[in-house]
Amino acid sequence: MQSTGAKIKNKAKRIVLIVAAVVLSVCVLLISFGRGLGIPDWNDIFAFFGIYANLDADLSVSFINVGTADACCIKCGEKTVLIDSGTSNSYDKLSAYLHRNGFEKFDSVIVSHPDSDHIGGMADIIEDFGADTIYMSAMPENLVPQGEDYKRLNNSIKENKVKAINPKISSKIRIGDMELDFISPSKVYDNRNDNSLVIRLTYKENSFLFTGDISKDVENDLLNSAEELNSDVLKVAHHGSKTSSTEDFLKAVSPKISVVSVGPSDDSLPDYNTMARINNYSKSLYRTDKDRTVVITSDGKNLNVQTHA
């Protein structure tokens, strides 16, 4: 028979194990779902221990978790491109991701359109990292922003002598082994969102479609154009808004992978019905409020997805 002392020790061990299991479970739940309370998530934990996404691929496209905003960095060999830069408030997160993944200078940066959730960090990108060229959508005078983010961006472009280009639609540029086709806007629309640059990137057998914040009106114009829309990866327009991602457009793009850039505290985005439509036409759907930074790598034929990067 066990002595009284041994029984007490075994009981104490069981209590310690139970308490440890409860504490561990609570910690896992808080890390997984407590970001809104300011609690570090898995991305922060992994970063603390030096565990990062593997960008060591022929091509990597990172949809960075910057809330309800857009920022996408692309690395292909020695060439780098940034499409949009999130808000000014999310710049620290964007900058940290770029630094820890070895981004030093961008060959080109692209502004889909000059709303603050797309250009908020671009002036700082130019100052801190540098860029040879910036591609921007041409805006009619009545749609040119008057806010501080746009003023800072223009000043940074001038001070750092960055070559600014308004690309012609249906024109192509080549950056290393990547080809970027500017396929919209083909006309002047009456709001900044619809004047977003829409870009189709191709790398060997793989293709990515970046749609800015376009609405169904632009989607319909693209469907009636001669532009190629079918793409392996779709950056979902306007953070999954109900104004975009029509059934006909999704059918034409027919993406294998779709990514929505959206924040966890946004009650209206992404729209439930829009997500349901995307799920009908896309094999996989990721969203940065749940999956954090999403990295898609390519060897020119096969795609691989990493989340919580």
C-alpha atoms as a PDB file:
ATOM      1  CA  MET A   1       0.000   0.000   0.000  1.00  0.00           C
ATOM      2  CA  GLN A   2       1.110   3.549  -0.711  1.00  0.00           C
ATOM      3  CA  SER A   3       2.075   5.616   2.256  1.00  0.00           C
ATOM      4  CA  THR A   4       0.101   8.710   3.124  1.00  0.00           C
ATOM      5  CA  GLY A   5       3.031  10.844   1.968  1.00  0.00           C
ATOM      6  CA  ALA A   6       3.158   9.101  -1.426  1.00  0.00           C
ATOM      7  CA  LYS A   7      -0.582   9.595  -1.912  1.00  0.00           C
ATOM      8  CA  ILE A   8      -0.265  13.278  -1.160  1.00  0.00           C
ATOM      9  CA  LYS A   9       2.627  13.596  -3.653  1.00  0.00           C
ATOM     10  CA  ASN A  10       0.665  11.815  -6.413  1.00  0.00           C
ATOM     11  CA  LYS A  11      -2.388  13.964  -5.750  1.00  0.00           C
ATOM     12  CA  ALA A  12      -0.226  17.091  -5.884  1.00  0.00           C
ATOM     13  CA  LYS A  13       1.287  15.968  -9.202  1.00  0.00           C
ATOM     14  CA  ARG A  14      -2.177  15.445 -10.690  1.00  0.00           C
ATOM     15  CA  ILE A  15      -3.277  18.883  -9.509  1.00  0.00           C
ATOM     16  CA  VAL A  16      -0.146  20.458 -10.997  1.00  0.00           C
ATOM     17  CA  LEU A  17      -0.726  18.675 -14.328  1.00  0.00           C
ATOM     18  CA  ILE A  18      -4.376  19.717 -14.414  1.00  0.00           C
ATOM     19  CA  VAL A  19      -3.509  23.344 -13.611  1.00  0.00           C
ATOM     20  CA  ALA A  20      -0.736  23.332 -16.238  1.00  0.00           C
ATOM     21  CA  ALA A  21      -3.120  21.902 -18.855  1.00  0.00           C
ATOM     22  CA  VAL A  22      -5.733  24.559 -18.031  1.00  0.00           C
ATOM     23  CA  VAL A  23      -3.149  27.369 -18.183  1.00  0.00           C
ATOM     24  CA  LEU A  24      -1.778  26.057 -21.491  1.00  0.00           C
ATOM     25  CA  SER A  25      -5.279  25.827 -22.972  1.00  0.00           C
ATOM     26  CA  VAL A  26      -6.092  29.374 -21.871  1.00  0.00           C
ATOM     27  CA  CYS A  27      -2.801  30.639 -23.351  1.00  0.00           C
ATOM     28  CA  VAL A  28      -3.495  28.909 -26.685  1.00  0.00           C
ATOM     29  CA  LEU A  29      -6.997  30.412 -26.819  1.00  0.00           C
ATOM     30  CA  LEU A  30      -5.730  33.894 -25.963  1.00  0.00           C
ATOM     31  CA  ILE A  31      -2.929  33.730 -28.547  1.00  0.00           C
ATOM     32  CA  SER A  32      -5.311  32.432 -31.205  1.00  0.00           C
ATOM     33  CA  PHE A  33      -8.235  34.771 -30.564  1.00  0.00           C
ATOM     34  CA  GLY A  34      -7.044  37.604 -28.325  1.00  0.00           C
ATOM     35  CA  ARG A  35      -5.383  39.890 -30.866  1.00  0.00           C
ATOM     36  CA  GLY A  36      -8.118  42.499 -30.428  1.00  0.00           C
ATOM     37  CA  LEU A  37      -7.171  42.742 -26.734  1.00  0.00           C
ATOM     38  CA  GLY A  38      -3.575  43.570 -27.590  1.00  0.00           C
ATOM     39  CA  ILE A  39      -2.351  40.037 -26.869  1.00  0.00           C
ATOM     40  CA  PRO A  40       0.475  38.770 -29.134  1.00  0.00           C
ATOM     41  CA  ASP A  41      -0.691  36.322 -31.789  1.00  0.00           C
ATOM     42  CA  TRP A  42       1.188  33.319 -33.250  1.00  0.00           C
ATOM     43  CA  ASN A  43       2.902  35.593 -35.752  1.00  0.00           C
ATOM     44  CA  ASP A  44       4.395  37.601 -32.884  1.00  0.00           C
ATOM     45  CA  ILE A  45       5.372  34.469 -30.991  1.00  0.00           C
ATOM     46  CA  PHE A  46       7.058  32.912 -34.033  1.00  0.00           C
ATOM     47  CA  ALA A  47       8.843  36.175 -34.808  1.00  0.00           C
ATOM     48  CA  PHE A  48      10.122  36.382 -31.221  1.00  0.00           C
ATOM     49  CA  PHE A  49      11.805  33.001 -31.633  1.00  0.00           C
ATOM     50  CA  GLY A  50      13.083  33.839 -35.126  1.00  0.00           C
ATOM     51  CA  ILE A  51      10.636  31.610 -37.013  1.00  0.00           C
ATOM     52  CA  TYR A  52       9.545  33.310 -40.226  1.00  0.00           C
ATOM     53  CA  ALA A  53       7.938  32.508 -43.535  1.00  0.00           C
ATOM     54  CA  ASN A  54      10.172  30.803 -46.055  1.00  0.00           C
ATOM     55  CA  LEU A  55      10.541  33.216 -48.959  1.00  0.00           C
ATOM     56  CA  ASP A  56      13.368  31.186 -50.455  1.00  0.00           C
ATOM     57  CA  ALA A  57      11.500  30.369 -53.656  1.00  0.00           C
ATOM     58  CA  ASP A  58      11.693  31.377 -57.298  1.00  0.00           C
ATOM     59  CA  LEU A  59       8.786  33.753 -56.663  1.00  0.00           C
ATOM     60  CA  SER A  60       7.146  34.789 -53.390  1.00  0.00           C
ATOM     61  CA  VAL A  61       4.075  36.990 -53.039  1.00  0.00           C
ATOM     62  CA  SER A  62       3.285  38.138 -49.487  1.00  0.00           C
ATOM     63  CA  PHE A  63      -0.169  39.516 -48.690  1.00  0.00           C
ATOM     64  CA  ILE A  64       0.757  41.321 -45.509  1.00  0.00           C
ATOM     65  CA  ASN A  65      -1.586  41.551 -42.545  1.00  0.00           C
ATOM     66  CA  VAL A  66      -2.140  45.320 -42.330  1.00  0.00           C
ATOM     67  CA  GLY A  67      -5.795  45.332 -41.295  1.00  0.00           C
ATOM     68  CA  THR A  68      -8.489  46.612 -43.644  1.00  0.00           C
ATOM     69  CA  ALA A  69      -5.894  47.928 -46.061  1.00  0.00           C
ATOM     70  CA  ASP A  70      -3.633  46.531 -48.776  1.00  0.00           C
ATOM     71  CA  ALA A  71       0.091  45.794 -48.882  1.00  0.00           C
ATOM     72  CA  CYS A  72       1.644  43.102 -51.032  1.00  0.00           C
ATOM     73  CA  CYS A  73       5.367  42.533 -51.484  1.00  0.00           C
ATOM     74  CA  ILE A  74       6.757  40.446 -54.323  1.00  0.00           C
ATOM     75  CA  LYS A  75      10.207  38.888 -54.561  1.00  0.00           C
ATOM     76  CA  CYS A  76      11.499  37.166 -57.687  1.00  0.00           C
ATOM     77  CA  GLY A  77      15.181  36.374 -57.657  1.00  0.00           C
ATOM     78  CA  GLU A  78      16.903  39.671 -56.873  1.00  0.00           C
ATOM     79  CA  LYS A  79      13.929  41.739 -58.028  1.00  0.00           C
ATOM     80  CA  THR A  80      11.395  43.200 -55.600  1.00  0.00           C
ATOM     81  CA  VAL A  81       8.067  44.989 -56.052  1.00  0.00           C
ATOM     82  CA  LEU A  82       5.619  46.448 -53.531  1.00  0.00           C
ATOM     83  CA  ILE A  83       1.949  46.949 -54.398  1.00  0.00           C
ATOM     84  CA  ASP A  84       0.343  49.381 -51.942  1.00  0.00           C
ATOM     85  CA  SER A  85       1.573  50.036 -48.410  1.00  0.00           C
ATOM     86  CA  GLY A  86      -1.278  49.873 -45.918  1.00  0.00           C
ATOM     87  CA  THR A  87      -2.079  52.766 -43.577  1.00  0.00           C
ATOM     88  CA  SER A  88       0.389  54.977 -41.762  1.00  0.00           C
ATOM     89  CA  ASN A  89      -0.644  53.239 -38.519  1.00  0.00           C
ATOM     90  CA  SER A  90       0.268  49.808 -39.906  1.00  0.00           C
ATOM     91  CA  TYR A  91       3.670  50.868 -41.261  1.00  0.00           C
ATOM     92  CA  ASP A  92       5.623  49.440 -38.312  1.00  0.00           C
ATOM     93  CA  LYS A  93       4.157  46.010 -39.024  1.00  0.00           C
ATOM     94  CA  LEU A  94       4.897  46.302 -42.755  1.00  0.00           C
ATOM     95  CA  SER A  95       8.428  47.556 -42.154  1.00  0.00           C
ATOM     96  CA  ALA A  96       9.178  44.799 -39.635  1.00  0.00           C
ATOM     97  CA  TYR A  97       8.038  42.120 -42.083  1.00  0.00           C
ATOM     98  CA  LEU A  98      10.174  43.566 -44.880  1.00  0.00           C
ATOM     99  CA  HIS A  99      13.271  43.913 -42.719  1.00  0.00           C
ATOM    100  CA  ARG A 100      13.145  40.426 -41.255  1.00  0.00           C
ATOM    101  CA  ASN A 101      12.696  38.930 -44.731  1.00  0.00           C
ATOM    102  CA  GLY A 102      15.674  40.708 -46.244  1.00  0.00           C
ATOM    103  CA  PHE A 103      14.008  43.418 -48.359  1.00  0.00           C
ATOM    104  CA  GLU A 104      16.480  46.258 -48.828  1.00  0.00           C
ATOM    105  CA  LYS A 105      15.373  48.288 -51.841  1.00  0.00           C
ATOM    106  CA  PHE A 106      12.461  48.003 -54.246  1.00  0.00           C
ATOM    107  CA  ASP A 107      12.960  47.986 -57.976  1.00  0.00           C
ATOM    108  CA  SER A 108       9.405  49.305 -58.303  1.00  0.00           C
ATOM    109  CA  VAL A 109       6.531  50.287 -56.061  1.00  0.00           C
ATOM    110  CA  ILE A 110       2.959  50.479 -57.281  1.00  0.00           C
ATOM    111  CA  VAL A 111       0.075  52.535 -55.940  1.00  0.00           C
ATOM    112  CA  SER A 112      -3.230  51.030 -57.031  1.00  0.00           C
ATOM    113  CA  HIS A 113      -5.035  54.257 -56.059  1.00  0.00           C
ATOM    114  CA  PRO A 114      -4.302  57.067 -53.590  1.00  0.00           C
ATOM    115  CA  ASP A 115      -6.639  56.239 -50.695  1.00  0.00           C
ATOM    116  CA  SER A 116      -4.976  56.272 -47.278  1.00  0.00           C
ATOM    117  CA  ASP A 117      -5.407  52.531 -46.723  1.00  0.00           C
ATOM    118  CA  HIS A 118      -3.244  51.948 -49.808  1.00  0.00           C
ATOM    119  CA  ILE A 119      -0.678  54.776 -49.644  1.00  0.00           C
ATOM    120  CA  GLY A 120      -0.394  55.462 -45.909  1.00  0.00           C
ATOM    121  CA  GLY A 121       3.047  53.886 -45.604  1.00  0.00           C
ATOM    122  CA  MET A 122       4.408  54.552 -49.095  1.00  0.00           C
ATOM    123  CA  ALA A 123       6.293  57.762 -48.266  1.00  0.00           C
ATOM    124  CA  ASP A 124       8.088  55.908 -45.469  1.00  0.00           C
ATOM    125  CA  ILE A 125       8.801  52.974 -47.788  1.00  0.00           C
ATOM    126  CA  ILE A 126      10.550  55.315 -50.211  1.00  0.00           C
ATOM    127  CA  GLU A 127      12.471  57.005 -47.376  1.00  0.00           C
ATOM    128  CA  ASP A 128      13.474  53.818 -45.535  1.00  0.00           C
ATOM    129  CA  PHE A 129      13.936  51.329 -48.379  1.00  0.00           C
ATOM    130  CA  GLY A 130      14.093  53.339 -51.583  1.00  0.00           C
ATOM    131  CA  ALA A 131      12.608  52.623 -54.993  1.00  0.00           C
ATOM    132  CA  ASP A 132      13.691  53.257 -58.563  1.00  0.00           C
ATOM    133  CA  THR A 133      10.215  53.670 -60.031  1.00  0.00           C
ATOM    134  CA  ILE A 134       6.676  54.243 -58.801  1.00  0.00           C
ATOM    135  CA  TYR A 135       3.652  53.368 -60.932  1.00  0.00           C
ATOM    136  CA  MET A 136       0.484  55.263 -60.094  1.00  0.00           C
ATOM    137  CA  SER A 137      -3.008  55.420 -61.490  1.00  0.00           C
ATOM    138  CA  ALA A 138      -3.733  58.738 -63.187  1.00  0.00           C
ATOM    139  CA  MET A 139      -6.510  60.561 -61.317  1.00  0.00           C
ATOM    140  CA  PRO A 140      -8.749  63.305 -62.669  1.00  0.00           C
ATOM    141  CA  GLU A 141      -8.174  66.574 -60.836  1.00  0.00           C
ATOM    142  CA  ASN A 142     -11.430  66.401 -58.882  1.00  0.00           C
ATOM    143  CA  LEU A 143     -10.409  63.023 -57.391  1.00  0.00           C
ATOM    144  CA  VAL A 144      -6.877  63.947 -56.338  1.00  0.00           C
ATOM    145  CA  PRO A 145      -6.685  63.581 -52.527  1.00  0.00           C
ATOM    146  CA  GLN A 146      -5.943  66.591 -50.353  1.00  0.00           C
ATOM    147  CA  GLY A 147      -4.888  64.587 -47.295  1.00  0.00           C
ATOM    148  CA  GLU A 148      -1.516  64.441 -45.570  1.00  0.00           C
ATOM    149  CA  ASP A 149      -0.661  60.917 -46.776  1.00  0.00           C
ATOM    150  CA  TYR A 150      -0.864  61.983 -50.427  1.00  0.00           C
ATOM    151  CA  LYS A 151       1.145  65.149 -49.805  1.00  0.00           C
ATOM    152  CA  ARG A 152       3.865  63.202 -47.979  1.00  0.00           C
ATOM    153  CA  LEU A 153       4.033  60.668 -50.809  1.00  0.00           C
ATOM    154  CA  ASN A 154       4.446  63.335 -53.488  1.00  0.00           C
ATOM    155  CA  ASN A 155       7.130  65.094 -51.458  1.00  0.00           C
ATOM    156  CA  SER A 156       8.981  61.833 -50.921  1.00  0.00           C
ATOM    157  CA  ILE A 157       8.880  61.044 -54.647  1.00  0.00           C
ATOM    158  CA  LYS A 158      10.367  64.431 -55.482  1.00  0.00           C
ATOM    159  CA  GLU A 159      12.982  64.492 -52.724  1.00  0.00           C
ATOM    160  CA  ASN A 160      14.232  60.986 -53.514  1.00  0.00           C
ATOM    161  CA  LYS A 161      14.070  61.461 -57.291  1.00  0.00           C
ATOM    162  CA  VAL A 162      11.856  58.417 -57.828  1.00  0.00           C
ATOM    163  CA  LYS A 163      10.687  58.067 -61.421  1.00  0.00           C
ATOM    164  CA  ALA A 164       6.882  58.413 -61.410  1.00  0.00           C
ATOM    165  CA  ILE A 165       4.903  56.759 -64.209  1.00  0.00           C
ATOM    166  CA  ASN A 166       1.197  56.640 -65.045  1.00  0.00           C
ATOM    167  CA  PRO A 167       1.157  53.387 -67.018  1.00  0.00           C
ATOM    168  CA  LYS A 168      -0.827  53.085 -70.208  1.00  0.00           C
ATOM    169  CA  ILE A 169      -3.562  50.506 -70.038  1.00  0.00           C
ATOM    170  CA  SER A 170      -2.856  47.289 -71.927  1.00  0.00           C
ATOM    171  CA  SER A 171       0.850  48.037 -71.563  1.00  0.00           C
ATOM    172  CA  LYS A 172       3.297  45.487 -70.172  1.00  0.00           C
ATOM    173  CA  ILE A 173       6.462  45.898 -68.168  1.00  0.00           C
ATOM    174  CA  ARG A 174       9.074  43.298 -67.363  1.00  0.00           C
ATOM    175  CA  ILE A 175      10.854  43.197 -64.024  1.00  0.00           C
ATOM    176  CA  GLY A 176      13.352  40.371 -64.014  1.00  0.00           C
ATOM    177  CA  ASP A 177      11.459  37.196 -64.895  1.00  0.00           C
ATOM    178  CA  MET A 178       8.080  38.729 -64.049  1.00  0.00           C
ATOM    179  CA  GLU A 179       5.700  40.339 -66.509  1.00  0.00           C
ATOM    180  CA  LEU A 180       3.161  42.865 -65.253  1.00  0.00           C
ATOM    181  CA  ASP A 181       0.187  43.790 -67.426  1.00  0.00           C
ATOM    182  CA  PHE A 182      -1.756  46.949 -66.551  1.00  0.00           C
ATOM    183  CA  ILE A 183      -5.314  46.089 -67.623  1.00  0.00           C
ATOM    184  CA  SER A 184      -7.460  48.812 -66.005  1.00  0.00           C
ATOM    185  CA  PRO A 185      -8.695  51.566 -65.805  1.00  0.00           C
ATOM    186  CA  SER A 186      -9.457  51.832 -69.501  1.00  0.00           C
ATOM    187  CA  LYS A 187     -11.479  55.007 -68.941  1.00  0.00           C
ATOM    188  CA  VAL A 188     -11.966  57.660 -66.284  1.00  0.00           C
ATOM    189  CA  TYR A 189     -14.408  56.642 -63.549  1.00  0.00           C
ATOM    190  CA  ASP A 190     -16.138  58.946 -61.099  1.00  0.00           C
ATOM    191  CA  ASN A 191     -14.462  57.641 -57.926  1.00  0.00           C
ATOM    192  CA  ARG A 192     -10.937  56.727 -56.840  1.00  0.00           C
ATOM    193  CA  ASN A 193     -11.721  53.064 -56.152  1.00  0.00           C
ATOM    194  CA  ASP A 194     -12.795  52.370 -59.712  1.00  0.00           C
ATOM    195  CA  ASN A 195      -9.734  54.169 -61.045  1.00  0.00           C
ATOM    196  CA  SER A 196      -7.548  51.576 -59.308  1.00  0.00           C
ATOM    197  CA  LEU A 197      -4.756  50.057 -61.333  1.00  0.00           C
ATOM    198  CA  VAL A 198      -5.601  46.432 -62.035  1.00  0.00           C
ATOM    199  CA  ILE A 199      -2.479  44.362 -62.625  1.00  0.00           C
ATOM    200  CA  ARG A 200      -2.010  40.822 -63.863  1.00  0.00           C
ATOM    201  CA  LEU A 201       1.379  39.404 -62.952  1.00  0.00           C
ATOM    202  CA  THR A 202       2.687  36.339 -64.751  1.00  0.00           C
ATOM    203  CA  TYR A 203       5.680  34.245 -63.813  1.00  0.00           C
ATOM    204  CA  LYS A 204       6.237  31.297 -66.151  1.00  0.00           C
ATOM    205  CA  GLU A 205       3.042  29.206 -65.832  1.00  0.00           C
ATOM    206  CA  ASN A 206       1.596  31.061 -62.842  1.00  0.00           C
ATOM    207  CA  SER A 207      -0.491  34.239 -62.735  1.00  0.00           C
ATOM    208  CA  PHE A 208      -1.724  36.669 -60.088  1.00  0.00           C
ATOM    209  CA  LEU A 209      -4.505  39.268 -60.456  1.00  0.00           C
ATOM    210  CA  PHE A 210      -4.355  42.383 -58.260  1.00  0.00           C
ATOM    211  CA  THR A 211      -7.639  44.298 -58.315  1.00  0.00           C
ATOM    212  CA  GLY A 212      -7.225  47.270 -55.977  1.00  0.00           C
ATOM    213  CA  ASP A 213     -10.652  48.447 -54.806  1.00  0.00           C
ATOM    214  CA  ILE A 214     -12.591  48.134 -58.074  1.00  0.00           C
ATOM    215  CA  SER A 215     -16.361  47.650 -58.065  1.00  0.00           C
ATOM    216  CA  LYS A 216     -18.623  45.525 -60.223  1.00  0.00           C
ATOM    217  CA  ASP A 217     -18.794  48.343 -62.808  1.00  0.00           C
ATOM    218  CA  VAL A 218     -15.082  47.943 -63.582  1.00  0.00           C
ATOM    219  CA  GLU A 219     -15.386  44.175 -63.415  1.00  0.00           C
ATOM    220  CA  ASN A 220     -18.072  44.342 -66.093  1.00  0.00           C
ATOM    221  CA  ASP A 221     -15.873  46.564 -68.269  1.00  0.00           C
ATOM    222  CA  LEU A 222     -13.020  44.079 -67.898  1.00  0.00           C
ATOM    223  CA  LEU A 223     -15.333  41.220 -68.840  1.00  0.00           C
ATOM    224  CA  ASN A 224     -16.241  43.115 -72.014  1.00  0.00           C
ATOM    225  CA  SER A 225     -12.619  43.843 -72.867  1.00  0.00           C
ATOM    226  CA  ALA A 226     -10.041  41.652 -74.550  1.00  0.00           C
ATOM    227  CA  GLU A 227      -7.903  41.462 -71.397  1.00  0.00           C
ATOM    228  CA  GLU A 228      -6.922  38.069 -70.018  1.00  0.00           C
ATOM    229  CA  LEU A 229      -8.519  37.589 -66.589  1.00  0.00           C
ATOM    230  CA  ASN A 230      -8.020  33.911 -65.825  1.00  0.00           C
ATOM    231  CA  SER A 231      -5.478  33.752 -62.991  1.00  0.00           C
ATOM    232  CA  ASP A 232      -4.189  31.281 -60.439  1.00  0.00           C
ATOM    233  CA  VAL A 233      -4.352  33.793 -57.584  1.00  0.00           C
ATOM    234  CA  LEU A 234      -6.854  36.609 -57.013  1.00  0.00           C
ATOM    235  CA  LYS A 235      -6.312  39.500 -54.646  1.00  0.00           C
ATOM    236  CA  VAL A 236      -9.991  40.052 -53.853  1.00  0.00           C
ATOM    237  CA  ALA A 237     -11.192  43.567 -54.661  1.00  0.00           C
ATOM    238  CA  HIS A 238     -12.077  46.129 -52.000  1.00  0.00           C
ATOM    239  CA  HIS A 239     -11.476  43.921 -48.974  1.00  0.00           C
ATOM    240  CA  GLY A 240     -14.319  41.568 -49.861  1.00  0.00           C
ATOM    241  CA  SER A 241     -16.929  44.306 -50.180  1.00  0.00           C
ATOM    242  CA  LYS A 242     -20.425  43.549 -51.452  1.00  0.00           C
ATOM    243  CA  THR A 243     -19.800  46.017 -54.302  1.00  0.00           C
ATOM    244  CA  SER A 244     -17.254  43.703 -55.945  1.00  0.00           C
ATOM    245  CA  SER A 245     -16.511  40.096 -56.897  1.00  0.00           C
ATOM    246  CA  THR A 246     -19.515  39.408 -59.088  1.00  0.00           C
ATOM    247  CA  GLU A 247     -20.290  35.869 -60.141  1.00  0.00           C
ATOM    248  CA  ASP A 248     -19.387  36.498 -63.788  1.00  0.00           C
ATOM    249  CA  PHE A 249     -16.073  38.079 -62.842  1.00  0.00           C
ATOM    250  CA  LEU A 250     -15.124  35.257 -60.487  1.00  0.00           C
ATOM    251  CA  LYS A 251     -16.087  32.727 -63.124  1.00  0.00           C
ATOM    252  CA  ALA A 252     -13.804  34.445 -65.645  1.00  0.00           C
ATOM    253  CA  VAL A 253     -10.865  34.651 -63.232  1.00  0.00           C
ATOM    254  CA  SER A 254     -11.478  31.121 -61.888  1.00  0.00           C
ATOM    255  CA  PRO A 255      -8.766  31.417 -59.222  1.00  0.00           C
ATOM    256  CA  LYS A 256      -7.181  28.476 -57.464  1.00  0.00           C
ATOM    257  CA  ILE A 257      -6.409  30.754 -54.512  1.00  0.00           C
ATOM    258  CA  SER A 258      -8.129  33.952 -53.354  1.00  0.00           C
ATOM    259  CA  VAL A 259      -6.850  36.317 -50.665  1.00  0.00           C
ATOM    260  CA  VAL A 260      -8.858  38.990 -48.833  1.00  0.00           C
ATOM    261  CA  SER A 261      -6.987  41.726 -46.992  1.00  0.00           C
ATOM    262  CA  VAL A 262      -9.203  42.771 -44.082  1.00  0.00           C
ATOM    263  CA  GLY A 263      -8.983  43.650 -40.387  1.00  0.00           C
ATOM    264  CA  PRO A 264     -10.404  41.663 -37.458  1.00  0.00           C
ATOM    265  CA  SER A 265     -12.277  44.638 -36.015  1.00  0.00           C
ATOM    266  CA  ASP A 266     -14.222  45.427 -39.198  1.00  0.00           C
ATOM    267  CA  ASP A 267     -17.861  44.367 -38.767  1.00  0.00           C
ATOM    268  CA  SER A 268     -18.961  45.057 -42.348  1.00  0.00           C
ATOM    269  CA  LEU A 269     -16.060  43.481 -44.227  1.00  0.00           C
ATOM    270  CA  PRO A 270     -15.715  41.035 -45.760  1.00  0.00           C
ATOM    271  CA  ASP A 271     -19.317  40.690 -46.886  1.00  0.00           C
ATOM    272  CA  TYR A 272     -20.804  37.258 -46.125  1.00  0.00           C
ATOM    273  CA  ASN A 273     -22.474  36.821 -49.524  1.00  0.00           C
ATOM    274  CA  THR A 274     -19.303  37.902 -51.325  1.00  0.00           C
ATOM    275  CA  MET A 275     -17.294  35.296 -49.426  1.00  0.00           C
ATOM    276  CA  ALA A 276     -19.859  32.649 -50.354  1.00  0.00           C
ATOM    277  CA  ARG A 277     -19.541  33.542 -54.057  1.00  0.00           C
ATOM    278  CA  ILE A 278     -15.754  33.425 -53.906  1.00  0.00           C
ATOM    279  CA  ASN A 279     -15.887  30.016 -52.253  1.00  0.00           C
ATOM    280  CA  ASN A 280     -17.966  28.769 -55.188  1.00  0.00           C
ATOM    281  CA  TYR A 281     -15.319  29.707 -57.737  1.00  0.00           C
ATOM    282  CA  SER A 282     -12.048  29.544 -55.800  1.00  0.00           C
ATOM    283  CA  LYS A 283     -10.488  26.323 -54.549  1.00  0.00           C
ATOM    284  CA  SER A 284      -8.963  28.056 -51.499  1.00  0.00           C
ATOM    285  CA  LEU A 285      -9.865  31.295 -49.735  1.00  0.00           C
ATOM    286  CA  TYR A 286      -7.618  33.059 -47.237  1.00  0.00           C
ATOM    287  CA  ARG A 287      -8.239  36.243 -45.257  1.00  0.00           C
ATOM    288  CA  THR A 288      -5.680  38.216 -43.302  1.00  0.00           C
ATOM    289  CA  ASP A 289      -7.934  38.774 -40.279  1.00  0.00           C
ATOM    290  CA  LYS A 290      -7.879  35.019 -39.659  1.00  0.00           C
ATOM    291  CA  ASP A 291      -4.821  33.715 -41.511  1.00  0.00           C
ATOM    292  CA  ARG A 292      -2.592  36.753 -40.851  1.00  0.00           C
ATOM    293  CA  THR A 293       0.069  37.364 -43.479  1.00  0.00           C
ATOM    294  CA  VAL A 294      -0.429  34.963 -46.385  1.00  0.00           C
ATOM    295  CA  VAL A 295       2.627  34.004 -48.468  1.00  0.00           C
ATOM    296  CA  ILE A 296       2.256  32.268 -51.819  1.00  0.00           C
ATOM    297  CA  THR A 297       5.398  30.845 -53.379  1.00  0.00           C
ATOM    298  CA  SER A 298       5.893  29.536 -56.895  1.00  0.00           C
ATOM    299  CA  ASP A 299       8.491  27.523 -58.774  1.00  0.00           C
ATOM    300  CA  GLY A 300       6.921  28.699 -62.018  1.00  0.00           C
ATOM    301  CA  LYS A 301       4.407  25.868 -62.081  1.00  0.00           C
ATOM    302  CA  ASN A 302       3.388  24.821 -58.577  1.00  0.00           C
ATOM    303  CA  LEU A 303       1.997  27.093 -55.860  1.00  0.00           C
ATOM    304  CA  ASN A 304       2.489  26.736 -52.131  1.00  0.00           C
ATOM    305  CA  VAL A 305       0.678  28.689 -49.388  1.00  0.00           C
ATOM    306  CA  GLN A 306       1.968  29.656 -45.947  1.00  0.00           C
ATOM    307  CA  THR A 307      -0.203  31.444 -43.378  1.00  0.00           C
ATOM    308  CA  HIS A 308       0.593  33.264 -40.138  1.00  0.00           C
ATOM    309  CA  ALA A 309       3.849  34.354 -41.778  1.00  0.00           C
END
